[in-house]
N, C-alpha and C. Protein backbone atom coordinates (compact mmCIF):
# COMPACT_ATOMS: atom_id res chain seq x y z
N UNK A 1 12.18 19.15 3.91
CA UNK A 1 11.83 17.77 4.15
C UNK A 1 13.03 16.88 3.89
N UNK A 2 13.20 15.89 4.72
CA UNK A 2 14.25 14.91 4.50
C UNK A 2 13.72 13.84 3.55
N UNK A 3 14.58 12.88 3.23
CA UNK A 3 14.13 11.78 2.38
C UNK A 3 13.04 10.99 3.09
N UNK A 4 11.96 10.81 2.41
CA UNK A 4 10.83 10.08 2.96
C UNK A 4 11.02 8.60 2.69
N UNK A 5 10.81 7.80 3.71
CA UNK A 5 10.95 6.37 3.55
C UNK A 5 9.59 5.75 3.26
N UNK A 6 9.54 5.06 2.12
CA UNK A 6 8.33 4.32 1.76
C UNK A 6 8.56 2.86 2.12
N UNK A 7 7.49 2.13 2.24
CA UNK A 7 7.60 0.70 2.49
C UNK A 7 8.04 0.05 1.18
N UNK A 8 9.26 -0.44 1.15
CA UNK A 8 9.83 -0.96 -0.08
C UNK A 8 10.24 -2.41 0.10
N UNK A 9 9.72 -3.26 -0.78
CA UNK A 9 10.04 -4.68 -0.78
C UNK A 9 10.88 -4.99 -2.00
N UNK A 10 11.96 -5.69 -1.82
CA UNK A 10 12.80 -6.07 -2.94
C UNK A 10 14.07 -5.25 -3.01
N UNK A 11 14.90 -5.63 -3.97
CA UNK A 11 16.20 -4.99 -4.15
C UNK A 11 16.04 -3.64 -4.83
N UNK A 12 16.85 -2.69 -4.40
CA UNK A 12 16.76 -1.34 -4.97
C UNK A 12 17.12 -1.32 -6.45
N UNK A 13 17.92 -2.28 -6.91
CA UNK A 13 18.32 -2.32 -8.31
C UNK A 13 17.51 -3.31 -9.15
N UNK A 14 16.36 -3.72 -8.66
CA UNK A 14 15.51 -4.64 -9.42
C UNK A 14 15.15 -4.00 -10.76
N UNK A 15 15.04 -4.79 -11.82
CA UNK A 15 14.77 -4.22 -13.14
C UNK A 15 13.39 -3.60 -13.30
N UNK A 16 12.44 -3.97 -12.47
CA UNK A 16 11.07 -3.44 -12.57
C UNK A 16 10.66 -2.87 -11.21
N UNK A 17 10.04 -1.69 -11.25
CA UNK A 17 9.53 -1.07 -10.03
C UNK A 17 8.02 -0.94 -10.13
N UNK A 18 7.33 -1.45 -9.12
CA UNK A 18 5.88 -1.31 -9.01
C UNK A 18 5.63 -0.37 -7.83
N UNK A 19 4.86 0.68 -8.08
CA UNK A 19 4.46 1.61 -7.03
C UNK A 19 2.96 1.46 -6.82
N UNK A 20 2.57 1.20 -5.59
CA UNK A 20 1.15 1.01 -5.28
C UNK A 20 0.69 2.09 -4.30
N UNK A 21 -0.21 2.94 -4.75
CA UNK A 21 -0.83 3.94 -3.89
C UNK A 21 -2.12 3.31 -3.37
N UNK A 22 -2.15 3.06 -2.06
CA UNK A 22 -3.26 2.34 -1.45
C UNK A 22 -3.69 3.02 -0.15
N UNK A 23 -4.78 2.53 0.43
CA UNK A 23 -5.22 2.96 1.75
C UNK A 23 -5.76 1.71 2.44
N UNK A 24 -5.36 1.50 3.68
CA UNK A 24 -5.71 0.27 4.39
C UNK A 24 -7.20 0.10 4.66
N UNK A 25 -7.97 1.17 4.60
CA UNK A 25 -9.41 1.09 4.84
C UNK A 25 -10.21 0.88 3.56
N UNK A 26 -9.55 0.88 2.42
CA UNK A 26 -10.24 0.78 1.14
C UNK A 26 -10.44 -0.69 0.74
N UNK A 27 -11.68 -1.11 0.53
CA UNK A 27 -11.93 -2.51 0.15
C UNK A 27 -11.36 -2.86 -1.23
N UNK A 28 -11.28 -1.89 -2.13
CA UNK A 28 -10.72 -2.15 -3.45
C UNK A 28 -9.20 -2.29 -3.36
N UNK A 29 -8.59 -1.55 -2.44
CA UNK A 29 -7.16 -1.69 -2.20
C UNK A 29 -6.86 -3.06 -1.59
N UNK A 30 -7.75 -3.51 -0.74
CA UNK A 30 -7.59 -4.83 -0.14
C UNK A 30 -7.56 -5.89 -1.23
N UNK A 31 -8.46 -5.82 -2.17
CA UNK A 31 -8.53 -6.75 -3.28
C UNK A 31 -7.25 -6.68 -4.13
N UNK A 32 -6.83 -5.46 -4.45
CA UNK A 32 -5.60 -5.29 -5.23
C UNK A 32 -4.40 -5.82 -4.46
N UNK A 33 -4.30 -5.47 -3.18
CA UNK A 33 -3.15 -5.87 -2.36
C UNK A 33 -3.01 -7.39 -2.32
N UNK A 34 -4.11 -8.08 -2.13
CA UNK A 34 -4.06 -9.55 -2.08
C UNK A 34 -3.58 -10.11 -3.41
N UNK A 35 -4.06 -9.57 -4.51
CA UNK A 35 -3.64 -10.04 -5.84
C UNK A 35 -2.17 -9.71 -6.08
N UNK A 36 -1.79 -8.49 -5.78
CA UNK A 36 -0.40 -8.06 -6.01
C UNK A 36 0.55 -8.86 -5.13
N UNK A 37 0.16 -9.09 -3.90
CA UNK A 37 1.01 -9.85 -2.99
C UNK A 37 1.26 -11.26 -3.52
N UNK A 38 0.21 -11.93 -3.97
CA UNK A 38 0.37 -13.30 -4.45
C UNK A 38 1.21 -13.36 -5.72
N UNK A 39 1.05 -12.37 -6.59
CA UNK A 39 1.79 -12.39 -7.85
C UNK A 39 3.21 -11.84 -7.72
N UNK A 40 3.37 -10.75 -6.98
CA UNK A 40 4.66 -10.08 -6.91
C UNK A 40 5.67 -10.73 -5.96
N UNK A 41 5.20 -11.38 -4.91
CA UNK A 41 6.13 -11.94 -3.91
C UNK A 41 7.22 -12.81 -4.53
N UNK A 42 6.90 -13.78 -5.39
CA UNK A 42 7.99 -14.57 -5.98
C UNK A 42 8.94 -13.74 -6.83
N UNK A 43 8.42 -12.75 -7.52
CA UNK A 43 9.26 -11.89 -8.36
C UNK A 43 10.16 -11.00 -7.51
N UNK A 44 9.66 -10.58 -6.38
CA UNK A 44 10.47 -9.79 -5.44
C UNK A 44 11.59 -10.67 -4.89
N UNK A 45 11.23 -11.89 -4.50
CA UNK A 45 12.23 -12.82 -3.95
C UNK A 45 13.30 -13.18 -4.97
N UNK A 46 12.97 -13.18 -6.24
CA UNK A 46 13.93 -13.49 -7.31
C UNK A 46 14.75 -12.26 -7.72
N UNK A 47 14.47 -11.11 -7.12
CA UNK A 47 15.20 -9.89 -7.44
C UNK A 47 14.76 -9.22 -8.72
N UNK A 48 13.60 -9.61 -9.24
CA UNK A 48 13.11 -9.06 -10.51
C UNK A 48 12.24 -7.82 -10.34
N UNK A 49 11.64 -7.67 -9.16
CA UNK A 49 10.69 -6.57 -8.93
C UNK A 49 10.98 -5.92 -7.58
N UNK A 50 10.87 -4.60 -7.57
CA UNK A 50 10.87 -3.82 -6.34
C UNK A 50 9.45 -3.28 -6.21
N UNK A 51 8.83 -3.49 -5.06
CA UNK A 51 7.47 -3.03 -4.83
C UNK A 51 7.50 -1.92 -3.78
N UNK A 52 7.07 -0.74 -4.16
CA UNK A 52 7.04 0.41 -3.27
C UNK A 52 5.58 0.70 -2.93
N UNK A 53 5.27 0.55 -1.65
CA UNK A 53 3.90 0.74 -1.19
C UNK A 53 3.81 2.14 -0.57
N UNK A 54 2.87 2.92 -1.09
CA UNK A 54 2.69 4.30 -0.64
C UNK A 54 1.25 4.46 -0.15
N UNK A 55 1.11 4.55 1.16
CA UNK A 55 -0.21 4.71 1.73
C UNK A 55 -0.68 6.14 1.49
N UNK A 56 -1.78 6.27 0.76
CA UNK A 56 -2.34 7.58 0.43
C UNK A 56 -3.37 7.91 1.50
N UNK A 57 -3.04 8.87 2.34
CA UNK A 57 -3.91 9.27 3.44
C UNK A 57 -5.03 10.17 2.93
N UNK A 58 -5.99 9.53 2.30
CA UNK A 58 -7.13 10.25 1.74
C UNK A 58 -8.00 10.79 2.87
N UNK A 59 -8.66 11.91 2.59
CA UNK A 59 -9.50 12.54 3.60
C UNK A 59 -10.97 12.13 3.51
N UNK A 60 -11.29 11.25 2.58
CA UNK A 60 -12.66 10.74 2.48
C UNK A 60 -13.00 10.03 3.79
N UNK A 61 -14.19 10.28 4.29
CA UNK A 61 -14.55 9.79 5.63
C UNK A 61 -14.30 8.30 5.81
N UNK A 62 -14.67 7.48 4.85
CA UNK A 62 -14.49 6.04 4.99
C UNK A 62 -13.05 5.59 5.00
N UNK A 63 -12.13 6.45 4.55
CA UNK A 63 -10.71 6.08 4.47
C UNK A 63 -9.87 6.66 5.60
N UNK A 64 -10.45 7.53 6.40
CA UNK A 64 -9.68 8.16 7.48
C UNK A 64 -9.15 7.16 8.50
N UNK A 65 -9.85 6.09 8.71
CA UNK A 65 -9.37 5.09 9.68
C UNK A 65 -8.11 4.39 9.16
N UNK A 66 -7.99 4.26 7.84
CA UNK A 66 -6.75 3.75 7.25
C UNK A 66 -5.61 4.70 7.48
N UNK A 67 -5.90 5.99 7.43
CA UNK A 67 -4.89 7.00 7.70
C UNK A 67 -4.41 6.89 9.15
N UNK A 68 -5.34 6.70 10.07
CA UNK A 68 -4.97 6.53 11.49
C UNK A 68 -4.04 5.32 11.63
N UNK A 69 -4.39 4.20 11.02
CA UNK A 69 -3.55 3.00 11.10
C UNK A 69 -2.16 3.29 10.55
N UNK A 70 -2.09 3.96 9.43
CA UNK A 70 -0.81 4.25 8.79
C UNK A 70 0.09 5.08 9.69
N UNK A 71 -0.47 5.95 10.50
CA UNK A 71 0.33 6.82 11.35
C UNK A 71 1.05 6.06 12.47
N UNK A 72 0.71 4.82 12.67
CA UNK A 72 1.36 4.01 13.70
C UNK A 72 2.49 3.13 13.14
N UNK A 73 2.52 2.92 11.84
CA UNK A 73 3.44 1.94 11.27
C UNK A 73 4.87 2.46 11.17
N UNK A 74 5.81 1.56 11.43
CA UNK A 74 7.24 1.87 11.37
C UNK A 74 7.79 1.31 10.06
N UNK A 75 7.99 2.15 9.08
CA UNK A 75 8.42 1.70 7.76
C UNK A 75 9.88 1.26 7.74
N UNK A 76 10.60 1.50 8.82
CA UNK A 76 11.97 0.98 8.91
C UNK A 76 11.96 -0.51 9.23
N UNK A 77 10.92 -0.97 9.86
CA UNK A 77 10.76 -2.40 10.16
C UNK A 77 9.86 -3.00 9.08
N UNK A 78 10.45 -3.22 7.91
CA UNK A 78 9.70 -3.61 6.72
C UNK A 78 8.93 -4.91 6.92
N UNK A 79 9.59 -5.92 7.44
CA UNK A 79 8.95 -7.23 7.59
C UNK A 79 7.73 -7.17 8.50
N UNK A 80 7.88 -6.58 9.68
CA UNK A 80 6.76 -6.51 10.62
C UNK A 80 5.64 -5.64 10.05
N UNK A 81 6.02 -4.52 9.45
CA UNK A 81 5.00 -3.62 8.90
C UNK A 81 4.21 -4.31 7.80
N UNK A 82 4.90 -5.06 6.95
CA UNK A 82 4.21 -5.78 5.89
C UNK A 82 3.25 -6.83 6.47
N UNK A 83 3.67 -7.51 7.54
CA UNK A 83 2.79 -8.47 8.22
C UNK A 83 1.58 -7.76 8.81
N UNK A 84 1.80 -6.59 9.39
CA UNK A 84 0.69 -5.83 9.98
C UNK A 84 -0.29 -5.37 8.91
N UNK A 85 0.23 -4.98 7.75
CA UNK A 85 -0.66 -4.58 6.65
C UNK A 85 -1.54 -5.76 6.24
N UNK A 86 -0.94 -6.94 6.14
CA UNK A 86 -1.74 -8.13 5.84
C UNK A 86 -2.86 -8.29 6.86
N UNK A 87 -2.50 -8.17 8.12
CA UNK A 87 -3.49 -8.33 9.19
C UNK A 87 -4.56 -7.24 9.12
N UNK A 88 -4.16 -6.01 8.83
CA UNK A 88 -5.14 -4.93 8.72
C UNK A 88 -6.14 -5.21 7.61
N UNK A 89 -5.67 -5.68 6.48
CA UNK A 89 -6.60 -6.00 5.40
C UNK A 89 -7.49 -7.19 5.75
N UNK A 90 -6.92 -8.20 6.41
CA UNK A 90 -7.71 -9.38 6.77
C UNK A 90 -8.80 -9.04 7.77
N UNK A 91 -8.56 -8.07 8.62
CA UNK A 91 -9.52 -7.72 9.68
C UNK A 91 -10.19 -6.37 9.44
N UNK A 92 -10.13 -5.90 8.22
CA UNK A 92 -10.58 -4.56 7.87
C UNK A 92 -11.98 -4.22 8.41
N UNK A 93 -12.92 -5.13 8.27
CA UNK A 93 -14.30 -4.83 8.68
C UNK A 93 -14.41 -4.59 10.18
N UNK A 94 -13.56 -5.22 10.99
CA UNK A 94 -13.68 -5.07 12.44
C UNK A 94 -13.16 -3.73 12.95
N UNK A 95 -12.12 -3.21 12.35
CA UNK A 95 -11.57 -1.95 12.87
C UNK A 95 -12.07 -0.71 12.13
N UNK A 96 -12.75 -0.88 11.02
CA UNK A 96 -13.29 0.27 10.30
C UNK A 96 -14.54 0.84 10.98
N UNK A 97 -14.97 0.20 12.05
CA UNK A 97 -16.20 0.60 12.72
C UNK A 97 -16.09 1.94 13.44
N UNK A 98 -14.88 2.25 13.96
CA UNK A 98 -14.72 3.52 14.69
C UNK A 98 -13.25 3.89 14.79
N UNK A 99 -13.02 5.15 15.08
CA UNK A 99 -11.65 5.62 15.27
C UNK A 99 -11.03 4.97 16.50
N UNK A 100 -11.82 4.80 17.55
CA UNK A 100 -11.27 4.17 18.75
C UNK A 100 -10.93 2.71 18.49
N UNK A 101 -11.66 2.03 17.62
CA UNK A 101 -11.35 0.63 17.32
C UNK A 101 -9.99 0.49 16.65
N UNK A 102 -9.68 1.36 15.70
CA UNK A 102 -8.37 1.26 15.04
C UNK A 102 -7.26 1.72 15.97
N UNK A 103 -7.51 2.71 16.77
CA UNK A 103 -6.49 3.14 17.73
C UNK A 103 -6.19 2.04 18.74
N UNK A 104 -7.24 1.36 19.25
CA UNK A 104 -7.03 0.24 20.18
C UNK A 104 -6.24 -0.88 19.51
N UNK A 105 -6.59 -1.18 18.27
CA UNK A 105 -5.91 -2.25 17.54
C UNK A 105 -4.42 -1.93 17.42
N UNK A 106 -4.11 -0.72 17.02
CA UNK A 106 -2.71 -0.35 16.79
C UNK A 106 -1.93 -0.28 18.11
N UNK A 107 -2.56 0.29 19.15
CA UNK A 107 -1.86 0.47 20.42
C UNK A 107 -1.86 -0.78 21.29
N UNK A 108 -3.03 -1.40 21.44
CA UNK A 108 -3.13 -2.53 22.37
C UNK A 108 -2.75 -3.86 21.73
N UNK A 109 -3.30 -4.13 20.57
CA UNK A 109 -3.04 -5.41 19.91
C UNK A 109 -1.63 -5.47 19.31
N UNK A 110 -1.22 -4.40 18.65
CA UNK A 110 0.09 -4.38 17.97
C UNK A 110 1.19 -3.74 18.81
N UNK A 111 0.80 -3.11 19.93
CA UNK A 111 1.76 -2.46 20.82
C UNK A 111 2.59 -1.39 20.10
N UNK A 112 1.92 -0.53 19.34
CA UNK A 112 2.58 0.52 18.58
C UNK A 112 2.19 1.90 19.12
N UNK A 113 3.07 2.85 18.90
CA UNK A 113 2.79 4.25 19.22
C UNK A 113 2.80 5.02 17.91
N UNK A 114 2.24 6.21 17.93
CA UNK A 114 2.27 7.04 16.74
C UNK A 114 3.72 7.22 16.29
N UNK A 115 3.94 7.11 14.99
CA UNK A 115 5.28 7.20 14.41
C UNK A 115 5.55 8.64 13.99
N UNK A 116 6.66 9.17 14.44
CA UNK A 116 6.99 10.58 14.17
C UNK A 116 7.19 10.87 12.69
N UNK A 117 7.62 9.87 11.92
CA UNK A 117 7.87 10.08 10.49
C UNK A 117 6.59 10.08 9.66
N UNK A 118 5.49 9.70 10.26
CA UNK A 118 4.24 9.54 9.51
C UNK A 118 3.72 10.85 8.90
N UNK A 119 3.81 11.93 9.64
CA UNK A 119 3.31 13.21 9.11
C UNK A 119 4.06 13.62 7.85
N UNK A 120 5.38 13.57 7.91
CA UNK A 120 6.20 13.96 6.76
C UNK A 120 5.94 13.03 5.57
N UNK A 121 5.84 11.74 5.84
CA UNK A 121 5.58 10.77 4.78
C UNK A 121 4.21 11.03 4.15
N UNK A 122 3.21 11.28 4.96
CA UNK A 122 1.87 11.53 4.47
C UNK A 122 1.83 12.77 3.56
N UNK A 123 2.48 13.83 4.00
CA UNK A 123 2.51 15.05 3.20
C UNK A 123 3.24 14.83 1.87
N UNK A 124 4.33 14.09 1.91
CA UNK A 124 5.10 13.82 0.69
C UNK A 124 4.29 12.98 -0.29
N UNK A 125 3.60 11.97 0.20
CA UNK A 125 2.81 11.11 -0.68
C UNK A 125 1.62 11.89 -1.24
N UNK A 126 0.99 12.72 -0.43
CA UNK A 126 -0.12 13.54 -0.92
C UNK A 126 0.36 14.49 -2.01
N UNK A 127 1.52 15.11 -1.81
CA UNK A 127 2.08 16.01 -2.83
C UNK A 127 2.40 15.24 -4.10
N UNK A 128 3.00 14.07 -3.95
CA UNK A 128 3.32 13.25 -5.12
C UNK A 128 2.05 12.84 -5.86
N UNK A 129 1.04 12.43 -5.12
CA UNK A 129 -0.22 12.03 -5.74
C UNK A 129 -0.82 13.20 -6.53
N UNK A 130 -0.77 14.37 -5.97
CA UNK A 130 -1.28 15.56 -6.66
C UNK A 130 -0.48 15.82 -7.95
N UNK A 131 0.84 15.77 -7.84
CA UNK A 131 1.71 16.00 -9.01
C UNK A 131 1.46 14.97 -10.12
N UNK A 132 1.17 13.75 -9.74
CA UNK A 132 0.99 12.68 -10.72
C UNK A 132 -0.47 12.52 -11.14
N UNK A 133 -1.34 13.36 -10.63
CA UNK A 133 -2.74 13.32 -11.04
C UNK A 133 -3.52 12.15 -10.46
N UNK A 134 -3.08 11.65 -9.32
CA UNK A 134 -3.76 10.52 -8.69
C UNK A 134 -4.93 11.06 -7.87
N UNK A 135 -6.12 10.58 -8.19
CA UNK A 135 -7.29 11.01 -7.43
C UNK A 135 -7.96 9.86 -6.70
N UNK A 136 -7.80 8.65 -7.20
CA UNK A 136 -8.44 7.49 -6.59
C UNK A 136 -7.41 6.44 -6.21
N UNK A 137 -7.88 5.51 -5.41
CA UNK A 137 -7.02 4.41 -4.99
C UNK A 137 -7.79 3.11 -5.19
N UNK A 138 -7.13 2.03 -5.43
CA UNK A 138 -5.69 1.93 -5.64
C UNK A 138 -5.28 2.49 -7.00
N UNK A 139 -4.13 3.12 -7.01
CA UNK A 139 -3.50 3.55 -8.26
C UNK A 139 -2.11 2.95 -8.26
N UNK A 140 -1.75 2.35 -9.40
CA UNK A 140 -0.51 1.58 -9.47
C UNK A 140 0.27 2.01 -10.71
N UNK A 141 1.58 2.09 -10.54
CA UNK A 141 2.47 2.38 -11.66
C UNK A 141 3.50 1.26 -11.77
N UNK A 142 3.77 0.86 -12.99
CA UNK A 142 4.83 -0.12 -13.25
C UNK A 142 5.85 0.60 -14.11
N UNK A 143 7.05 0.78 -13.55
CA UNK A 143 8.11 1.54 -14.20
C UNK A 143 7.61 2.90 -14.69
N UNK A 144 6.83 3.56 -13.86
CA UNK A 144 6.36 4.90 -14.16
C UNK A 144 5.12 4.98 -15.03
N UNK A 145 4.71 3.85 -15.60
CA UNK A 145 3.51 3.82 -16.45
C UNK A 145 2.32 3.34 -15.63
N UNK A 146 1.21 4.02 -15.78
CA UNK A 146 0.02 3.64 -15.01
C UNK A 146 -0.45 2.24 -15.41
N UNK A 147 -0.65 1.41 -14.40
CA UNK A 147 -1.17 0.06 -14.58
C UNK A 147 -2.68 0.18 -14.76
N UNK A 148 -3.16 -0.36 -15.87
CA UNK A 148 -4.58 -0.21 -16.21
C UNK A 148 -5.36 -1.44 -15.73
N UNK A 149 -6.25 -1.18 -14.80
CA UNK A 149 -7.18 -2.19 -14.31
C UNK A 149 -8.37 -1.46 -13.71
N UNK A 150 -9.44 -2.20 -13.45
CA UNK A 150 -10.63 -1.58 -12.89
C UNK A 150 -10.81 -2.10 -11.46
N UNK A 151 -10.35 -1.34 -10.48
CA UNK A 151 -10.43 -1.82 -9.10
C UNK A 151 -11.85 -2.03 -8.60
N UNK A 152 -12.83 -1.40 -9.23
CA UNK A 152 -14.21 -1.57 -8.80
C UNK A 152 -14.83 -2.86 -9.33
N UNK A 153 -14.28 -3.39 -10.41
CA UNK A 153 -14.87 -4.58 -11.04
C UNK A 153 -13.93 -5.79 -11.09
N UNK A 154 -12.63 -5.57 -11.20
CA UNK A 154 -11.69 -6.69 -11.37
C UNK A 154 -11.52 -7.45 -10.06
N UNK A 155 -11.68 -8.77 -10.14
CA UNK A 155 -11.42 -9.61 -8.98
C UNK A 155 -9.93 -9.91 -8.90
N UNK A 156 -9.52 -10.64 -7.87
CA UNK A 156 -8.10 -10.94 -7.67
C UNK A 156 -7.49 -11.66 -8.87
N UNK A 157 -8.19 -12.63 -9.43
CA UNK A 157 -7.67 -13.40 -10.56
C UNK A 157 -7.44 -12.48 -11.76
N UNK A 158 -8.38 -11.61 -12.03
CA UNK A 158 -8.25 -10.68 -13.16
C UNK A 158 -7.09 -9.73 -12.94
N UNK A 159 -6.93 -9.23 -11.73
CA UNK A 159 -5.82 -8.32 -11.44
C UNK A 159 -4.49 -9.04 -11.65
N UNK A 160 -4.39 -10.27 -11.18
CA UNK A 160 -3.15 -11.05 -11.38
C UNK A 160 -2.88 -11.24 -12.87
N UNK A 161 -3.90 -11.56 -13.64
CA UNK A 161 -3.73 -11.74 -15.09
C UNK A 161 -3.22 -10.45 -15.73
N UNK A 162 -3.80 -9.33 -15.35
CA UNK A 162 -3.39 -8.05 -15.92
C UNK A 162 -1.97 -7.66 -15.48
N UNK A 163 -1.64 -7.93 -14.22
CA UNK A 163 -0.28 -7.68 -13.76
C UNK A 163 0.71 -8.53 -14.56
N UNK A 164 0.36 -9.78 -14.74
CA UNK A 164 1.23 -10.69 -15.49
C UNK A 164 1.46 -10.19 -16.91
N UNK A 165 0.40 -9.76 -17.56
CA UNK A 165 0.50 -9.25 -18.93
C UNK A 165 1.45 -8.03 -18.99
N UNK A 166 1.23 -7.09 -18.09
CA UNK A 166 2.03 -5.87 -18.14
C UNK A 166 3.47 -6.10 -17.68
N UNK A 167 3.67 -6.95 -16.70
CA UNK A 167 5.01 -7.18 -16.18
C UNK A 167 5.86 -8.06 -17.08
N UNK A 168 5.24 -8.92 -17.87
CA UNK A 168 5.99 -9.82 -18.72
C UNK A 168 6.92 -9.06 -19.66
N UNK A 169 6.50 -7.91 -20.12
CA UNK A 169 7.33 -7.14 -21.05
C UNK A 169 8.55 -6.54 -20.37
N UNK A 170 8.49 -6.27 -19.06
CA UNK A 170 9.61 -5.66 -18.36
C UNK A 170 10.58 -6.63 -17.73
N UNK A 171 10.21 -7.89 -17.70
CA UNK A 171 11.08 -8.86 -17.02
C UNK A 171 12.02 -9.55 -17.96
């Protein structure tokens, strides 16, 4: 395997690294992503945080449509891909209805084709998740330490508060 490219926001030498294992079809990941985006964006822009987004292609039936979406994204085009992820989360309910709905969205609406690097990236992230004991999503690490929050119960405000608490020590 060659080096796998993850969707990475921020400077490579930022003092803090946040790794987010998510799936675009997961409603709890949507909640986490919105909170993380609002809190981390200014820190990324200031060069304080690097955010590495790792789409975990889970095989659970409800998450497979997120896997299909991920297979179309071009992680070399970070800005556009990040915008598309925002749109996928905003419209999650409309494309989670069927496999053909997400395929139409990616091909017709976004004008994307399946990305050749997606298979290798998916396998690498699955292997990493297994090695790190990740079974559920969202799972987040801050400088290698698991970020503790309850994705099933914590709302966006609570997630931001918890991110702030944990990140304050590293900044």
